């Protein structure tokens, strides 16, 4: 998969999943998993997975349910003719949505 990306394209389903998760968890932190395809220098996000039932949602802390998202990612990705790839993660900070914290960086590396 190319690490160089000039554009990210979201399916309506993926975009709506982010909006729904953000509103459902307001005002605490939340996030999700981006699954899709790399086409040339574009990342096409087809699915956005929820963070999981056992995730931690707090005002200044968020943690994915790793077991859940790994299981669900495999299930969803395999339903496509061309299996989806993990493109990345999205994460919402109350009041700011433009920078990962040091804790987030550690979570993303996991």
C-alpha atoms as a PDB file:
ATOM      1  CA  UNK A   1       0.000   0.000   0.000  1.00  0.00           C
ATOM      2  CA  UNK A   2       1.277   3.439  -0.898  1.00  0.00           C
ATOM      3  CA  UNK A   3       2.011   5.743   2.013  1.00  0.00           C
ATOM      4  CA  UNK A   4       1.760   8.760  -0.278  1.00  0.00           C
ATOM      5  CA  UNK A   5      -1.786  10.026  -0.536  1.00  0.00           C
ATOM      6  CA  UNK A   6      -2.958  13.185  -2.250  1.00  0.00           C
ATOM      7  CA  UNK A   7      -6.695  12.674  -1.683  1.00  0.00           C
ATOM      8  CA  UNK A   8      -8.984  10.712   0.609  1.00  0.00           C
ATOM      9  CA  UNK A   9     -12.413   9.816  -0.752  1.00  0.00           C
ATOM     10  CA  UNK A  10     -15.164   8.659   1.607  1.00  0.00           C
ATOM     11  CA  UNK A  11     -18.148   6.576   0.571  1.00  0.00           C
ATOM     12  CA  UNK A  12     -21.442   7.997   1.835  1.00  0.00           C
ATOM     13  CA  UNK A  13     -21.694   5.032   4.207  1.00  0.00           C
ATOM     14  CA  UNK A  14     -18.234   5.722   5.674  1.00  0.00           C
ATOM     15  CA  UNK A  15     -18.808   9.457   6.023  1.00  0.00           C
ATOM     16  CA  UNK A  16     -22.161   8.927   7.727  1.00  0.00           C
ATOM     17  CA  UNK A  17     -20.612   6.411  10.143  1.00  0.00           C
ATOM     18  CA  UNK A  18     -18.115   9.059  11.316  1.00  0.00           C
ATOM     19  CA  UNK A  19     -20.838  11.677  11.743  1.00  0.00           C
ATOM     20  CA  UNK A  20     -23.072   9.245  13.646  1.00  0.00           C
ATOM     21  CA  UNK A  21     -20.293   8.072  15.976  1.00  0.00           C
ATOM     22  CA  UNK A  22     -19.267  11.665  16.691  1.00  0.00           C
ATOM     23  CA  UNK A  23     -22.806  12.726  17.597  1.00  0.00           C
ATOM     24  CA  UNK A  24     -23.492   9.549  19.594  1.00  0.00           C
ATOM     25  CA  UNK A  25     -20.455  10.074  21.822  1.00  0.00           C
ATOM     26  CA  UNK A  26     -20.574  13.871  22.191  1.00  0.00           C
ATOM     27  CA  UNK A  27     -18.974  15.416  24.278  1.00  0.00           C
ATOM     28  CA  UNK A  28     -16.371  12.682  24.894  1.00  0.00           C
ATOM     29  CA  UNK A  29     -13.569  11.416  22.673  1.00  0.00           C
ATOM     30  CA  UNK A  30     -14.258   8.685  20.141  1.00  0.00           C
ATOM     31  CA  UNK A  31     -12.847   7.282  16.926  1.00  0.00           C
ATOM     32  CA  UNK A  32     -12.977   4.501  14.409  1.00  0.00           C
ATOM     33  CA  UNK A  33     -11.141   2.396  11.871  1.00  0.00           C
ATOM     34  CA  UNK A  34     -10.877   3.335   8.177  1.00  0.00           C
ATOM     35  CA  UNK A  35     -11.037   0.437   5.698  1.00  0.00           C
ATOM     36  CA  UNK A  36     -10.788   0.785   1.948  1.00  0.00           C
ATOM     37  CA  UNK A  37      -8.676   0.638  -1.167  1.00  0.00           C
ATOM     38  CA  UNK A  38      -5.643   2.499  -2.458  1.00  0.00           C
ATOM     39  CA  UNK A  39      -6.132   3.629  -6.045  1.00  0.00           C
ATOM     40  CA  UNK A  40      -3.045   5.340  -7.408  1.00  0.00           C
ATOM     41  CA  UNK A  41      -2.422   8.172  -4.925  1.00  0.00           C
ATOM     42  CA  UNK A  42      -5.997   8.194  -3.566  1.00  0.00           C
ATOM     43  CA  UNK A  43      -7.297   6.376  -0.521  1.00  0.00           C
ATOM     44  CA  UNK A  44     -10.915   5.321  -0.969  1.00  0.00           C
ATOM     45  CA  UNK A  45     -12.578   4.743   2.404  1.00  0.00           C
ATOM     46  CA  UNK A  46     -15.393   2.239   1.949  1.00  0.00           C
ATOM     47  CA  UNK A  47     -16.112   1.340   5.577  1.00  0.00           C
ATOM     48  CA  UNK A  48     -15.634   3.017   8.938  1.00  0.00           C
ATOM     49  CA  UNK A  49     -15.754   0.622  11.857  1.00  0.00           C
ATOM     50  CA  UNK A  50     -16.960   1.658  15.296  1.00  0.00           C
ATOM     51  CA  UNK A  51     -14.417   1.582  18.128  1.00  0.00           C
ATOM     52  CA  UNK A  52     -16.080  -1.311  19.959  1.00  0.00           C
ATOM     53  CA  UNK A  53     -18.284  -2.134  22.895  1.00  0.00           C
ATOM     54  CA  UNK A  54     -15.446  -2.202  25.447  1.00  0.00           C
ATOM     55  CA  UNK A  55     -13.814   1.025  24.273  1.00  0.00           C
ATOM     56  CA  UNK A  56     -13.041   3.754  26.799  1.00  0.00           C
ATOM     57  CA  UNK A  57     -14.764   7.084  26.098  1.00  0.00           C
ATOM     58  CA  UNK A  58     -13.783  10.019  28.316  1.00  0.00           C
ATOM     59  CA  UNK A  59     -13.477  13.771  27.870  1.00  0.00           C
ATOM     60  CA  UNK A  60      -9.677  13.640  27.599  1.00  0.00           C
ATOM     61  CA  UNK A  61      -9.038   9.964  26.851  1.00  0.00           C
ATOM     62  CA  UNK A  62     -10.133   7.367  24.323  1.00  0.00           C
ATOM     63  CA  UNK A  63      -9.110   3.752  23.839  1.00  0.00           C
ATOM     64  CA  UNK A  64     -10.243   1.315  21.150  1.00  0.00           C
ATOM     65  CA  UNK A  65     -11.578  -2.147  21.947  1.00  0.00           C
ATOM     66  CA  UNK A  66      -8.674  -3.771  20.054  1.00  0.00           C
ATOM     67  CA  UNK A  67     -10.080  -7.304  20.124  1.00  0.00           C
ATOM     68  CA  UNK A  68     -13.416  -6.121  18.719  1.00  0.00           C
ATOM     69  CA  UNK A  69     -12.041  -3.917  15.939  1.00  0.00           C
ATOM     70  CA  UNK A  70      -9.559  -6.558  14.776  1.00  0.00           C
ATOM     71  CA  UNK A  71     -12.305  -9.175  14.632  1.00  0.00           C
ATOM     72  CA  UNK A  72     -14.775  -6.871  12.867  1.00  0.00           C
ATOM     73  CA  UNK A  73     -12.164  -5.554  10.424  1.00  0.00           C
ATOM     74  CA  UNK A  74     -11.414  -9.096   9.230  1.00  0.00           C
ATOM     75  CA  UNK A  75     -15.130  -9.888   8.842  1.00  0.00           C
ATOM     76  CA  UNK A  76     -16.027  -6.711   6.954  1.00  0.00           C
ATOM     77  CA  UNK A  77     -12.903  -6.627   4.762  1.00  0.00           C
ATOM     78  CA  UNK A  78     -13.458 -10.163   3.518  1.00  0.00           C
ATOM     79  CA  UNK A  79     -17.002  -9.437   2.300  1.00  0.00           C
ATOM     80  CA  UNK A  80     -15.683  -7.376  -0.603  1.00  0.00           C
ATOM     81  CA  UNK A  81     -14.639  -8.859  -3.944  1.00  0.00           C
ATOM     82  CA  UNK A  82     -11.286  -7.153  -3.423  1.00  0.00           C
ATOM     83  CA  UNK A  83     -10.678  -7.306   0.353  1.00  0.00           C
ATOM     84  CA  UNK A  84     -10.379  -3.969   2.084  1.00  0.00           C
ATOM     85  CA  UNK A  85      -7.140  -2.757   3.631  1.00  0.00           C
ATOM     86  CA  UNK A  86      -6.616  -0.872   6.858  1.00  0.00           C
ATOM     87  CA  UNK A  87      -6.078   2.709   5.714  1.00  0.00           C
ATOM     88  CA  UNK A  88      -5.900   4.333   9.109  1.00  0.00           C
ATOM     89  CA  UNK A  89      -7.741   5.536  12.163  1.00  0.00           C
ATOM     90  CA  UNK A  90      -9.868   8.565  12.863  1.00  0.00           C
ATOM     91  CA  UNK A  91     -10.211  10.142  16.263  1.00  0.00           C
ATOM     92  CA  UNK A  92     -12.204  13.039  17.700  1.00  0.00           C
ATOM     93  CA  UNK A  93     -10.980  15.348  20.443  1.00  0.00           C
ATOM     94  CA  UNK A  94     -13.659  17.571  21.952  1.00  0.00           C
ATOM     95  CA  UNK A  95     -12.925  21.121  20.857  1.00  0.00           C
ATOM     96  CA  UNK A  96     -10.200  20.132  18.369  1.00  0.00           C
ATOM     97  CA  UNK A  97     -10.000  17.631  15.550  1.00  0.00           C
ATOM     98  CA  UNK A  98      -6.632  18.393  13.990  1.00  0.00           C
ATOM     99  CA  UNK A  99      -3.855  16.851  16.131  1.00  0.00           C
ATOM    100  CA  UNK A 100      -3.180  13.456  17.751  1.00  0.00           C
ATOM    101  CA  UNK A 101      -1.907  13.567  21.336  1.00  0.00           C
ATOM    102  CA  UNK A 102       1.158  11.594  22.477  1.00  0.00           C
ATOM    103  CA  UNK A 103      -1.209   9.003  23.955  1.00  0.00           C
ATOM    104  CA  UNK A 104      -2.989   8.768  20.591  1.00  0.00           C
ATOM    105  CA  UNK A 105       0.318   8.234  18.813  1.00  0.00           C
ATOM    106  CA  UNK A 106       1.022   5.262  21.105  1.00  0.00           C
ATOM    107  CA  UNK A 107      -2.450   3.844  20.485  1.00  0.00           C
ATOM    108  CA  UNK A 108      -2.039   4.242  16.721  1.00  0.00           C
ATOM    109  CA  UNK A 109       1.266   2.353  16.807  1.00  0.00           C
ATOM    110  CA  UNK A 110      -0.465  -0.580  18.586  1.00  0.00           C
END
